[in-house]
Amino acid sequence: MRKFGKIIAAAALAAFSPSPVFACAACYGANTNDPLAHGMNWGIFTLLGVVVLMLSSIATFFVFLIRREAAEQAKRLAEENLSGAKV
């Protein structure tokens, strides 16, 4: 168990140790008015839009399932109450 703790400590030390960060060739010294920068920004926004669209679609599907189950349960309870009320 001590060996596992040492491995975790070494991994944490390596992960959180400061190191220099270098920009990619497209970003290093880039002009913000450059068409390449505008294209990269549009690419980032497009990918962000796709992610938001997919996550909102999944959330909407689960809301749909929850509402449909609630409606089915209400219908089932109403039918049980009507069938039990007959004399």
PDB file of N, CA and C in Angstrom:
ATOM      1  N   MET A   1       0.822  -1.190   0.000  1.00  0.00           N
ATOM      2  CA  MET A   1       0.000   0.000   0.000  1.00  0.00           C
ATOM      3  C   MET A   1       0.868   1.258   0.000  1.00  0.00           C
ATOM      4  N   ARG A   2       2.030   1.176   0.617  1.00  0.00           N
ATOM      5  CA  ARG A   2       2.922   2.336   0.656  1.00  0.00           C
ATOM      6  C   ARG A   2       3.448   2.653  -0.739  1.00  0.00           C
ATOM      7  N   LYS A   3       3.665   1.595  -1.523  1.00  0.00           N
ATOM      8  CA  LYS A   3       4.171   1.791  -2.874  1.00  0.00           C
ATOM      9  C   LYS A   3       3.136   2.542  -3.724  1.00  0.00           C
ATOM     10  N   PHE A   4       1.866   2.201  -3.531  1.00  0.00           N
ATOM     11  CA  PHE A   4       0.790   2.866  -4.252  1.00  0.00           C
ATOM     12  C   PHE A   4       0.732   4.344  -3.876  1.00  0.00           C
ATOM     13  N   GLY A   5       0.908   4.655  -2.610  1.00  0.00           N
ATOM     14  CA  GLY A   5       0.916   6.051  -2.159  1.00  0.00           C
ATOM     15  C   GLY A   5       2.066   6.829  -2.761  1.00  0.00           C
ATOM     16  N   LYS A   6       3.223   6.189  -2.881  1.00  0.00           N
ATOM     17  CA  LYS A   6       4.378   6.857  -3.485  1.00  0.00           C
ATOM     18  C   LYS A   6       4.129   7.128  -4.967  1.00  0.00           C
ATOM     19  N   ILE A   7       3.476   6.182  -5.634  1.00  0.00           N
ATOM     20  CA  ILE A   7       3.165   6.364  -7.051  1.00  0.00           C
ATOM     21  C   ILE A   7       2.190   7.528  -7.233  1.00  0.00           C
ATOM     22  N   ILE A   8       1.181   7.588  -6.365  1.00  0.00           N
ATOM     23  CA  ILE A   8       0.208   8.680  -6.427  1.00  0.00           C
ATOM     24  C   ILE A   8       0.891  10.011  -6.152  1.00  0.00           C
ATOM     25  N   ALA A   9       1.772  10.058  -5.163  1.00  0.00           N
ATOM     26  CA  ALA A   9       2.479  11.295  -4.839  1.00  0.00           C
ATOM     27  C   ALA A   9       3.375  11.732  -6.000  1.00  0.00           C
ATOM     28  N   ALA A  10       4.053  10.792  -6.626  1.00  0.00           N
ATOM     29  CA  ALA A  10       4.913  11.124  -7.760  1.00  0.00           C
ATOM     30  C   ALA A  10       4.079  11.628  -8.942  1.00  0.00           C
ATOM     31  N   ALA A  11       2.943  11.014  -9.182  1.00  0.00           N
ATOM     32  CA  ALA A  11       2.072  11.447 -10.277  1.00  0.00           C
ATOM     33  C   ALA A  11       1.517  12.844 -10.011  1.00  0.00           C
ATOM     34  N   ALA A  12       1.127  13.112  -8.760  1.00  0.00           N
ATOM     35  CA  ALA A  12       0.617  14.439  -8.414  1.00  0.00           C
ATOM     36  C   ALA A  12       1.705  15.482  -8.544  1.00  0.00           C
ATOM     37  N   LEU A  13       2.906  15.151  -8.117  1.00  0.00           N
ATOM     38  CA  LEU A  13       4.027  16.087  -8.231  1.00  0.00           C
ATOM     39  C   LEU A  13       4.321  16.392  -9.698  1.00  0.00           C
ATOM     40  N   ALA A  14       4.292  15.379 -10.539  1.00  0.00           N
ATOM     41  CA  ALA A  14       4.558  15.587 -11.966  1.00  0.00           C
ATOM     42  C   ALA A  14       3.432  16.390 -12.629  1.00  0.00           C
ATOM     43  N   ALA A  15       2.197  16.147 -12.193  1.00  0.00           N
ATOM     44  CA  ALA A  15       1.066  16.836 -12.811  1.00  0.00           C
ATOM     45  C   ALA A  15       1.005  18.310 -12.421  1.00  0.00           C
ATOM     46  N   PHE A  16       1.389  18.618 -11.189  1.00  0.00           N
ATOM     47  CA  PHE A  16       1.241  19.984 -10.706  1.00  0.00           C
ATOM     48  C   PHE A  16       2.538  20.775 -10.686  1.00  0.00           C
ATOM     49  N   SER A  17       3.610  20.214 -11.190  1.00  0.00           N
ATOM     50  CA  SER A  17       4.871  20.959 -11.230  1.00  0.00           C
ATOM     51  C   SER A  17       4.818  21.974 -12.371  1.00  0.00           C
ATOM     52  N   PRO A  18       5.307  23.167 -12.124  1.00  0.00           N
ATOM     53  CA  PRO A  18       5.243  24.181 -13.188  1.00  0.00           C
ATOM     54  C   PRO A  18       6.198  23.846 -14.327  1.00  0.00           C
ATOM     55  N   SER A  19       5.746  24.100 -15.514  1.00  0.00           N
ATOM     56  CA  SER A  19       6.575  23.888 -16.697  1.00  0.00           C
ATOM     57  C   SER A  19       6.234  24.970 -17.708  1.00  0.00           C
ATOM     58  N   PRO A  20       7.151  25.319 -18.564  1.00  0.00           N
ATOM     59  CA  PRO A  20       6.846  26.367 -19.548  1.00  0.00           C
ATOM     60  C   PRO A  20       5.801  25.884 -20.550  1.00  0.00           C
ATOM     61  N   VAL A  21       4.947  26.793 -20.941  1.00  0.00           N
ATOM     62  CA  VAL A  21       3.899  26.480 -21.898  1.00  0.00           C
ATOM     63  C   VAL A  21       4.192  27.254 -23.174  1.00  0.00           C
ATOM     64  N   PHE A  22       4.247  26.546 -24.264  1.00  0.00           N
ATOM     65  CA  PHE A  22       4.553  27.173 -25.545  1.00  0.00           C
ATOM     66  C   PHE A  22       3.300  27.189 -26.414  1.00  0.00           C
ATOM     67  N   ALA A  23       3.106  28.288 -27.113  1.00  0.00           N
ATOM     68  CA  ALA A  23       1.967  28.404 -28.014  1.00  0.00           C
ATOM     69  C   ALA A  23       2.239  27.594 -29.279  1.00  0.00           C
ATOM     70  N   CYS A  24       1.168  27.229 -29.958  1.00  0.00           N
ATOM     71  CA  CYS A  24       1.338  26.504 -31.218  1.00  0.00           C
ATOM     72  C   CYS A  24       1.827  27.465 -32.304  1.00  0.00           C
ATOM     73  N   ALA A  25       2.203  26.939 -33.409  1.00  0.00           N
ATOM     74  CA  ALA A  25       2.757  27.754 -34.489  1.00  0.00           C
ATOM     75  C   ALA A  25       1.725  28.736 -35.032  1.00  0.00           C
ATOM     76  N   ALA A  26       0.456  28.387 -34.986  1.00  0.00           N
ATOM     77  CA  ALA A  26      -0.577  29.287 -35.501  1.00  0.00           C
ATOM     78  C   ALA A  26      -0.822  30.453 -34.554  1.00  0.00           C
ATOM     79  N   CYS A  27      -0.638  30.243 -33.248  1.00  0.00           N
ATOM     80  CA  CYS A  27      -0.946  31.286 -32.269  1.00  0.00           C
ATOM     81  C   CYS A  27       0.267  32.116 -31.881  1.00  0.00           C
ATOM     82  N   TYR A  28       1.447  31.606 -32.014  1.00  0.00           N
ATOM     83  CA  TYR A  28       2.643  32.290 -31.537  1.00  0.00           C
ATOM     84  C   TYR A  28       2.871  33.567 -32.346  1.00  0.00           C
ATOM     85  N   GLY A  29       2.782  34.692 -31.675  1.00  0.00           N
ATOM     86  CA  GLY A  29       3.008  35.968 -32.322  1.00  0.00           C
ATOM     87  C   GLY A  29       1.979  36.309 -33.372  1.00  0.00           C
ATOM     88  N   ALA A  30       0.789  35.764 -33.252  1.00  0.00           N
ATOM     89  CA  ALA A  30      -0.239  35.982 -34.271  1.00  0.00           C
ATOM     90  C   ALA A  30      -0.865  37.358 -34.131  1.00  0.00           C
ATOM     91  N   ASN A  31      -1.238  37.903 -35.253  1.00  0.00           N
ATOM     92  CA  ASN A  31      -1.961  39.160 -35.295  1.00  0.00           C
ATOM     93  C   ASN A  31      -3.443  38.836 -35.100  1.00  0.00           C
ATOM     94  N   THR A  32      -4.114  39.555 -34.196  1.00  0.00           N
ATOM     95  CA  THR A  32      -5.513  39.230 -33.916  1.00  0.00           C
ATOM     96  C   THR A  32      -6.434  39.595 -35.069  1.00  0.00           C
ATOM     97  N   ASN A  33      -5.987  40.423 -35.979  1.00  0.00           N
ATOM     98  CA  ASN A  33      -6.807  40.783 -37.136  1.00  0.00           C
ATOM     99  C   ASN A  33      -6.509  39.905 -38.347  1.00  0.00           C
ATOM    100  N   ASP A  34      -5.699  38.902 -38.165  1.00  0.00           N
ATOM    101  CA  ASP A  34      -5.314  38.001 -39.241  1.00  0.00           C
ATOM    102  C   ASP A  34      -6.498  37.098 -39.604  1.00  0.00           C
ATOM    103  N   PRO A  35      -6.718  36.794 -40.868  1.00  0.00           N
ATOM    104  CA  PRO A  35      -7.806  35.884 -41.250  1.00  0.00           C
ATOM    105  C   PRO A  35      -7.671  34.502 -40.602  1.00  0.00           C
ATOM    106  N   LEU A  36      -6.439  34.061 -40.369  1.00  0.00           N
ATOM    107  CA  LEU A  36      -6.245  32.770 -39.719  1.00  0.00           C
ATOM    108  C   LEU A  36      -6.806  32.797 -38.295  1.00  0.00           C
ATOM    109  N   ALA A  37      -6.604  33.900 -37.579  1.00  0.00           N
ATOM    110  CA  ALA A  37      -7.129  34.026 -36.215  1.00  0.00           C
ATOM    111  C   ALA A  37      -8.653  34.052 -36.231  1.00  0.00           C
ATOM    112  N   HIS A  38      -9.233  34.761 -37.203  1.00  0.00           N
ATOM    113  CA  HIS A  38     -10.696  34.791 -37.303  1.00  0.00           C
ATOM    114  C   HIS A  38     -11.258  33.412 -37.635  1.00  0.00           C
ATOM    115  N   GLY A  39     -10.589  32.710 -38.515  1.00  0.00           N
ATOM    116  CA  GLY A  39     -11.033  31.355 -38.849  1.00  0.00           C
ATOM    117  C   GLY A  39     -10.944  30.413 -37.663  1.00  0.00           C
ATOM    118  N   MET A  40      -9.865  30.548 -36.897  1.00  0.00           N
ATOM    119  CA  MET A  40      -9.714  29.702 -35.715  1.00  0.00           C
ATOM    120  C   MET A  40     -10.794  30.018 -34.677  1.00  0.00           C
ATOM    121  N   ASN A  41     -11.100  31.291 -34.514  1.00  0.00           N
ATOM    122  CA  ASN A  41     -12.160  31.675 -33.576  1.00  0.00           C
ATOM    123  C   ASN A  41     -13.511  31.119 -34.014  1.00  0.00           C
ATOM    124  N   TRP A  42     -13.809  31.208 -35.299  1.00  0.00           N
ATOM    125  CA  TRP A  42     -15.065  30.652 -35.785  1.00  0.00           C
ATOM    126  C   TRP A  42     -15.114  29.131 -35.625  1.00  0.00           C
ATOM    127  N   GLY A  43     -13.979  28.490 -35.816  1.00  0.00           N
ATOM    128  CA  GLY A  43     -13.921  27.049 -35.591  1.00  0.00           C
ATOM    129  C   GLY A  43     -14.187  26.686 -34.145  1.00  0.00           C
ATOM    130  N   ILE A  44     -13.620  27.448 -33.223  1.00  0.00           N
ATOM    131  CA  ILE A  44     -13.846  27.206 -31.794  1.00  0.00           C
ATOM    132  C   ILE A  44     -15.310  27.424 -31.451  1.00  0.00           C
ATOM    133  N   PHE A  45     -15.893  28.523 -31.948  1.00  0.00           N
ATOM    134  CA  PHE A  45     -17.301  28.796 -31.653  1.00  0.00           C
ATOM    135  C   PHE A  45     -18.223  27.749 -32.266  1.00  0.00           C
ATOM    136  N   THR A  46     -17.869  27.248 -33.436  1.00  0.00           N
ATOM    137  CA  THR A  46     -18.674  26.204 -34.068  1.00  0.00           C
ATOM    138  C   THR A  46     -18.647  24.917 -33.248  1.00  0.00           C
ATOM    139  N   LEU A  47     -17.465  24.525 -32.819  1.00  0.00           N
ATOM    140  CA  LEU A  47     -17.363  23.318 -31.997  1.00  0.00           C
ATOM    141  C   LEU A  47     -18.078  23.497 -30.658  1.00  0.00           C
ATOM    142  N   LEU A  48     -17.976  24.675 -30.084  1.00  0.00           N
ATOM    143  CA  LEU A  48     -18.687  24.952 -28.842  1.00  0.00           C
ATOM    144  C   LEU A  48     -20.190  24.874 -29.065  1.00  0.00           C
ATOM    145  N   GLY A  49     -20.655  25.390 -30.193  1.00  0.00           N
ATOM    146  CA  GLY A  49     -22.077  25.312 -30.516  1.00  0.00           C
ATOM    147  C   GLY A  49     -22.555  23.881 -30.687  1.00  0.00           C
ATOM    148  N   VAL A  50     -21.741  23.045 -31.306  1.00  0.00           N
ATOM    149  CA  VAL A  50     -22.110  21.631 -31.478  1.00  0.00           C
ATOM    150  C   VAL A  50     -22.223  20.943 -30.123  1.00  0.00           C
ATOM    151  N   VAL A  51     -21.279  21.217 -29.234  1.00  0.00           N
ATOM    152  CA  VAL A  51     -21.315  20.601 -27.900  1.00  0.00           C
ATOM    153  C   VAL A  51     -22.555  21.055 -27.138  1.00  0.00           C
ATOM    154  N   VAL A  52     -22.846  22.349 -27.177  1.00  0.00           N
ATOM    155  CA  VAL A  52     -24.034  22.866 -26.480  1.00  0.00           C
ATOM    156  C   VAL A  52     -25.304  22.270 -27.081  1.00  0.00           C
ATOM    157  N   LEU A  53     -25.359  22.172 -28.389  1.00  0.00           N
ATOM    158  CA  LEU A  53     -26.533  21.585 -29.046  1.00  0.00           C
ATOM    159  C   LEU A  53     -26.740  20.133 -28.623  1.00  0.00           C
ATOM    160  N   MET A  54     -25.680  19.356 -28.600  1.00  0.00           N
ATOM    161  CA  MET A  54     -25.802  17.946 -28.219  1.00  0.00           C
ATOM    162  C   MET A  54     -26.222  17.788 -26.757  1.00  0.00           C
ATOM    163  N   LEU A  55     -25.602  18.559 -25.864  1.00  0.00           N
ATOM    164  CA  LEU A  55     -25.960  18.453 -24.447  1.00  0.00           C
ATOM    165  C   LEU A  55     -27.391  18.919 -24.188  1.00  0.00           C
ATOM    166  N   SER A  56     -27.819  19.971 -24.869  1.00  0.00           N
ATOM    167  CA  SER A  56     -29.201  20.424 -24.688  1.00  0.00           C
ATOM    168  C   SER A  56     -30.186  19.424 -25.289  1.00  0.00           C
ATOM    169  N   SER A  57     -29.800  18.757 -26.364  1.00  0.00           N
ATOM    170  CA  SER A  57     -30.674  17.725 -26.936  1.00  0.00           C
ATOM    171  C   SER A  57     -30.843  16.549 -25.980  1.00  0.00           C
ATOM    172  N   ILE A  58     -29.774  16.147 -25.354  1.00  0.00           N
ATOM    173  CA  ILE A  58     -29.846  15.045 -24.390  1.00  0.00           C
ATOM    174  C   ILE A  58     -30.696  15.444 -23.197  1.00  0.00           C
ATOM    175  N   ALA A  59     -30.501  16.669 -22.692  1.00  0.00           N
ATOM    176  CA  ALA A  59     -31.296  17.138 -21.552  1.00  0.00           C
ATOM    177  C   ALA A  59     -32.773  17.226 -21.928  1.00  0.00           C
ATOM    178  N   THR A  60     -33.073  17.707 -23.133  1.00  0.00           N
ATOM    179  CA  THR A  60     -34.461  17.802 -23.588  1.00  0.00           C
ATOM    180  C   THR A  60     -35.092  16.416 -23.696  1.00  0.00           C
ATOM    181  N   PHE A  61     -34.343  15.445 -24.156  1.00  0.00           N
ATOM    182  CA  PHE A  61     -34.863  14.080 -24.252  1.00  0.00           C
ATOM    183  C   PHE A  61     -35.231  13.526 -22.881  1.00  0.00           C
ATOM    184  N   PHE A  62     -34.379  13.766 -21.880  1.00  0.00           N
ATOM    185  CA  PHE A  62     -34.687  13.275 -20.542  1.00  0.00           C
ATOM    186  C   PHE A  62     -35.884  14.006 -19.936  1.00  0.00           C
ATOM    187  N   VAL A  63     -36.034  15.289 -20.210  1.00  0.00           N
ATOM    188  CA  VAL A  63     -37.217  16.019 -19.740  1.00  0.00           C
ATOM    189  C   VAL A  63     -38.461  15.439 -20.402  1.00  0.00           C
ATOM    190  N   PHE A  64     -38.373  15.133 -21.690  1.00  0.00           N
ATOM    191  CA  PHE A  64     -39.487  14.511 -22.403  1.00  0.00           C
ATOM    192  C   PHE A  64     -39.868  13.176 -21.760  1.00  0.00           C
ATOM    193  N   LEU A  65     -38.863  12.347 -21.451  1.00  0.00           N
ATOM    194  CA  LEU A  65     -39.156  11.055 -20.829  1.00  0.00           C
ATOM    195  C   LEU A  65     -39.812  11.221 -19.465  1.00  0.00           C
ATOM    196  N   ILE A  66     -39.339  12.160 -18.677  1.00  0.00           N
ATOM    197  CA  ILE A  66     -39.904  12.387 -17.350  1.00  0.00           C
ATOM    198  C   ILE A  66     -41.349  12.848 -17.457  1.00  0.00           C
ATOM    199  N   ARG A  67     -41.615  13.780 -18.379  1.00  0.00           N
ATOM    200  CA  ARG A  67     -42.995  14.264 -18.541  1.00  0.00           C
ATOM    201  C   ARG A  67     -43.915  13.168 -19.063  1.00  0.00           C
ATOM    202  N   ARG A  68     -43.425  12.351 -19.981  1.00  0.00           N
ATOM    203  CA  ARG A  68     -44.255  11.277 -20.527  1.00  0.00           C
ATOM    204  C   ARG A  68     -44.579  10.249 -19.447  1.00  0.00           C
ATOM    205  N   GLU A  69     -43.605   9.928 -18.611  1.00  0.00           N
ATOM    206  CA  GLU A  69     -43.846   8.982 -17.525  1.00  0.00           C
ATOM    207  C   GLU A  69     -44.849   9.550 -16.524  1.00  0.00           C
ATOM    208  N   ALA A  70     -44.755  10.847 -16.230  1.00  0.00           N
ATOM    209  CA  ALA A  70     -45.708  11.469 -15.308  1.00  0.00           C
ATOM    210  C   ALA A  70     -47.115  11.452 -15.895  1.00  0.00           C
ATOM    211  N   ALA A  71     -47.244  11.699 -17.194  1.00  0.00           N
ATOM    212  CA  ALA A  71     -48.556  11.670 -17.837  1.00  0.00           C
ATOM    213  C   ALA A  71     -49.131  10.257 -17.836  1.00  0.00           C
ATOM    214  N   GLU A  72     -48.292   9.269 -18.104  1.00  0.00           N
ATOM    215  CA  GLU A  72     -48.762   7.873 -18.079  1.00  0.00           C
ATOM    216  C   GLU A  72     -49.199   7.467 -16.674  1.00  0.00           C
ATOM    217  N   GLN A  73     -48.462   7.908 -15.689  1.00  0.00           N
ATOM    218  CA  GLN A  73     -48.812   7.568 -14.314  1.00  0.00           C
ATOM    219  C   GLN A  73     -50.121   8.235 -13.911  1.00  0.00           C
ATOM    220  N   ALA A  74     -50.323   9.494 -14.304  1.00  0.00           N
ATOM    221  CA  ALA A  74     -51.571  10.187 -14.004  1.00  0.00           C
ATOM    222  C   ALA A  74     -52.743   9.513 -14.701  1.00  0.00           C
ATOM    223  N   LYS A  75     -52.547   9.088 -15.933  1.00  0.00           N
ATOM    224  CA  LYS A  75     -53.596   8.389 -16.684  1.00  0.00           C
ATOM    225  C   LYS A  75     -53.944   7.064 -16.019  1.00  0.00           C
ATOM    226  N   ARG A  76     -52.919   6.343 -15.590  1.00  0.00           N
ATOM    227  CA  ARG A  76     -53.138   5.058 -14.927  1.00  0.00           C
ATOM    228  C   ARG A  76     -53.905   5.233 -13.606  1.00  0.00           C
ATOM    229  N   LEU A  77     -53.526   6.268 -12.832  1.00  0.00           N
ATOM    230  CA  LEU A  77     -54.230   6.528 -11.572  1.00  0.00           C
ATOM    231  C   LEU A  77     -55.675   6.939 -11.823  1.00  0.00           C
ATOM    232  N   ALA A  78     -55.916   7.735 -12.857  1.00  0.00           N
ATOM    233  CA  ALA A  78     -57.277   8.148 -13.190  1.00  0.00           C
ATOM    234  C   ALA A  78     -58.126   6.956 -13.590  1.00  0.00           C
ATOM    235  N   GLU A  79     -57.570   6.028 -14.367  1.00  0.00           N
ATOM    236  CA  GLU A  79     -58.308   4.824 -14.763  1.00  0.00           C
ATOM    237  C   GLU A  79     -58.612   3.929 -13.554  1.00  0.00           C
ATOM    238  N   GLU A  80     -57.666   3.839 -12.623  1.00  0.00           N
ATOM    239  CA  GLU A  80     -57.902   3.040 -11.415  1.00  0.00           C
ATOM    240  C   GLU A  80     -58.998   3.654 -10.563  1.00  0.00           C
ATOM    241  N   ASN A  81     -59.011   4.973 -10.457  1.00  0.00           N
ATOM    242  CA  ASN A  81     -60.047   5.638  -9.671  1.00  0.00           C
ATOM    243  C   ASN A  81     -61.422   5.506 -10.312  1.00  0.00           C
ATOM    244  N   LEU A  82     -61.465   5.562 -11.647  1.00  0.00           N
ATOM    245  CA  LEU A  82     -62.750   5.411 -12.331  1.00  0.00           C
ATOM    246  C   LEU A  82     -63.273   3.992 -12.242  1.00  0.00           C
ATOM    247  N   SER A  83     -62.373   3.023 -12.372  1.00  0.00           N
ATOM    248  CA  SER A  83     -62.828   1.637 -12.323  1.00  0.00           C
ATOM    249  C   SER A  83     -63.255   1.251 -10.902  1.00  0.00           C
ATOM    250  N   GLY A  84     -62.679   1.843  -9.900  1.00  0.00           N
ATOM    251  CA  GLY A  84     -63.056   1.547  -8.517  1.00  0.00           C
ATOM    252  C   GLY A  84     -64.314   2.276  -8.079  1.00  0.00           C
ATOM    253  N   ALA A  85     -64.731   3.316  -8.793  1.00  0.00           N
ATOM    254  CA  ALA A  85     -65.885   4.100  -8.408  1.00  0.00           C
ATOM    255  C   ALA A  85     -67.202   3.502  -8.888  1.00  0.00           C
ATOM    256  N   LYS A  86     -67.163   2.483  -9.757  1.00  0.00           N
ATOM    257  CA  LYS A  86     -68.404   1.882 -10.273  1.00  0.00           C
ATOM    258  C   LYS A  86     -69.139   1.159  -9.150  1.00  0.00           C
ATOM    259  N   VAL A  87     -70.466   1.287  -9.167  1.00  0.00           N
ATOM    260  CA  VAL A  87     -71.287   0.641  -8.135  1.00  0.00           C
ATOM    261  C   VAL A  87     -72.017  -0.540  -8.702  1.00  0.00           C
TER     262      VAL A  87
END
